[in-house]
Protein backbone atom coordinates (compact mmCIF):
# COMPACT_ATOMS: atom_id res chain seq x y z
CA MET A 1 16.31 -1.36 20.99
CA ARG A 2 14.89 -4.57 18.13
CA VAL A 3 12.34 -4.26 15.85
CA SER A 4 10.09 -7.44 16.38
CA ALA A 5 10.76 -10.01 14.13
CA VAL A 6 7.75 -10.22 11.58
CA SER A 7 6.84 -13.95 9.83
CA GLY A 8 10.60 -15.35 10.65
CA LEU A 9 12.47 -12.32 9.83
CA LEU A 10 11.35 -12.79 6.52
CA ALA A 11 11.06 -9.18 4.53
CA ALA A 12 7.90 -6.89 5.87
CA THR A 13 7.23 -3.41 5.08
CA LEU A 14 7.52 -1.13 7.87
CA VAL A 15 7.15 1.56 8.60
CA PHE A 16 10.99 2.67 8.89
CA PHE A 17 12.49 2.06 12.15
CA GLY A 18 9.25 1.79 13.71
CA ALA A 19 10.13 0.85 16.91
CA VAL A 20 13.85 1.33 17.11
CA GLN A 21 14.67 4.92 19.35
CA ALA A 22 18.31 6.09 18.01
CA PHE A 23 21.14 8.81 18.15
CA ALA A 24 23.83 8.48 15.96
CA THR A 25 26.50 11.29 15.00
CA GLY A 26 28.75 10.51 11.54
CA THR A 27 29.92 11.77 8.02
CA VAL A 28 27.74 11.80 5.14
CA ILE A 29 29.96 11.86 2.03
CA VAL A 30 28.30 13.07 -1.50
CA GLN A 31 29.00 12.21 -4.60
CA GLN A 32 28.20 14.83 -7.24
CA HIS A 33 26.92 13.11 -11.00
CA ASN A 34 30.00 15.21 -12.39
CA GLY A 35 32.76 13.52 -10.10
CA SER A 36 32.81 16.71 -7.16
CA VAL A 37 32.60 15.14 -3.50
CA GLN A 38 31.75 16.89 -0.31
CA THR A 39 32.41 15.58 2.54
CA TYR A 40 30.15 17.08 5.72
CA PRO A 41 31.78 15.38 9.55
CA ASN A 42 29.69 15.67 12.12
CA ALA A 43 26.24 15.50 10.79
CA THR A 44 23.27 14.55 13.33
CA ILE A 45 21.38 10.78 13.08
CA ARG A 46 18.53 10.00 14.82
CA VAL A 47 15.69 8.34 14.21
CA GLU A 48 11.71 10.00 15.48
CA ASN A 49 8.97 9.66 14.59
CA LYS A 50 9.43 6.32 12.51
CA ALA A 51 12.16 8.06 10.30
CA LEU A 52 15.37 8.48 9.65
CA LYS A 53 17.26 12.45 9.98
CA ILE A 54 20.50 12.90 9.03
CA THR A 55 21.41 16.94 9.81
CA SER A 56 24.43 18.60 8.61
CA ALA A 57 26.56 19.82 11.22
CA ASP A 58 25.70 23.41 10.32
CA LYS A 59 22.09 22.65 10.44
CA LYS A 60 21.11 23.72 7.12
CA GLY A 61 19.84 20.10 5.22
CA THR A 62 18.14 17.53 6.14
CA LEU A 63 17.49 14.15 4.36
CA ILE A 64 14.51 12.21 6.09
CA ILE A 65 13.36 8.44 5.01
CA ASP A 66 10.37 8.10 6.39
CA ARG A 67 9.65 4.97 4.62
CA ALA A 68 11.42 1.72 3.97
CA ALA A 69 10.96 -2.16 3.74
CA CYS A 70 12.78 -3.39 6.91
CA SER A 71 13.68 -7.13 7.43
CA TYR A 72 17.27 -8.32 9.75
CA VAL A 73 20.03 -10.40 7.75
CA GLY A 74 21.57 -12.41 10.48
CA GLU A 75 21.67 -9.31 13.97
CA LEU A 76 21.40 -6.94 10.89
CA LEU A 77 18.94 -4.88 10.48
CA ARG A 78 18.67 -4.12 6.74
CA CYS A 79 15.92 -1.18 5.31
CA LEU A 80 15.41 -0.29 1.56
CA PRO A 81 14.52 2.86 1.74
CA TYR A 82 10.84 3.87 -0.35
CA SER A 83 10.68 7.66 0.45
CA MET A 84 13.03 10.12 1.00
CA LYS A 85 12.63 14.05 1.29
CA LEU A 86 14.98 16.96 1.61
CA ASP A 87 13.95 19.09 4.19
CA GLN A 88 16.59 22.49 2.74
CA GLY A 89 16.30 26.66 3.70
CA GLY A 90 12.87 26.31 5.02
CA GLY A 91 11.38 23.57 1.85
CA LEU A 92 10.18 20.51 2.11
CA HIS A 93 11.61 18.84 -1.25
CA ARG A 94 10.51 15.24 -2.43
CA LEU A 95 14.02 13.48 -3.39
CA ASP A 96 13.81 10.58 -7.25
CA PHE A 97 16.07 8.37 -5.33
CA GLN A 98 17.23 4.74 -7.72
CA ARG A 99 18.53 2.94 -4.36
CA GLY A 100 18.99 2.91 -1.67
CA THR A 101 20.11 0.40 1.69
CA VAL A 102 21.29 1.01 5.16
CA TYR A 103 21.88 -1.33 7.53
CA LEU A 104 21.95 -0.81 11.18
CA ASN A 105 23.77 -2.67 14.18
CA LEU A 106 22.88 -2.78 17.24
CA THR A 107 24.62 -5.48 19.24
CA ASP A 108 27.55 -5.24 21.12
CA ASP A 109 29.77 -6.62 17.97
CA SER A 110 31.13 -6.05 14.92
CA GLN A 111 28.83 -7.63 12.21
CA GLU A 112 29.73 -8.78 8.40
CA LEU A 113 27.34 -7.52 5.91
CA PRO A 114 26.17 -9.68 3.43
CA LEU A 115 28.77 -10.98 0.18
CA SER A 116 30.96 -8.61 1.89
CA SER A 117 34.36 -9.44 3.66
CA LYS A 118 33.35 -5.42 5.77
CA ARG A 119 32.42 -5.22 8.59
CA LEU A 120 29.87 -2.98 10.36
CA PRO A 121 31.23 -2.24 13.59
CA PRO A 122 28.97 -2.71 17.44
CA GLN A 123 26.46 0.07 17.59
CA SER A 124 26.48 1.57 14.49
CA ILE A 125 24.78 2.90 11.39
CA MET A 126 25.59 2.34 7.56
CA LEU A 127 23.69 3.66 4.81
CA SER A 128 24.53 4.26 0.80
CA LEU A 129 22.42 5.57 -1.59
CA THR A 130 21.14 6.45 -5.52
CA THR A 131 19.56 9.55 -7.08
CA LYS A 132 18.36 9.32 -10.18
CA VAL A 133 20.57 12.08 -11.67
CA GLY A 134 23.18 9.47 -10.58
CA THR A 135 24.63 11.53 -7.04
CA ILE A 136 25.76 9.30 -4.42
CA VAL A 137 25.14 9.42 -0.01
CA ASN A 138 27.23 7.91 2.26
CA ILE A 139 26.51 7.76 5.15
CA THR A 140 28.56 6.36 8.50
CA GLY A 141 28.01 6.86 11.96
CA GLY A 142 27.76 5.03 16.16
CA ILE A 143 24.57 5.00 17.47
CA ASP A 144 24.41 6.28 20.71
CA LYS A 145 22.54 3.77 23.28
């Protein structure tokens, strides 16, 4: 499982995880702009139809990231999303967000995150997003090969 290197691994605009197929389970932590925090364990994280989809354990909501600029930073795949939707209650809503980063470690070794002493475990994903209204969404999970 690996996205092809493009132009010497320079940042390229890709359809999100174009060649990567992955399935994971993880934890979603949502901090609202008012400071309240909700934790959603056992979320399903999957790459499907060239989109990253994070579904709550109760299946009531799915965050869909369908476009991102991706490149490798060392052994980590780093993607900067630029299109995101929320499928909740039967309706699909485009989300306004300020910034976000997804790190994907497809190797069998832990990898150091750029400009950090933190390491991302083998076969795992880490995502952090901030919406325009100040909601912060953090997701971590392990990837099944």
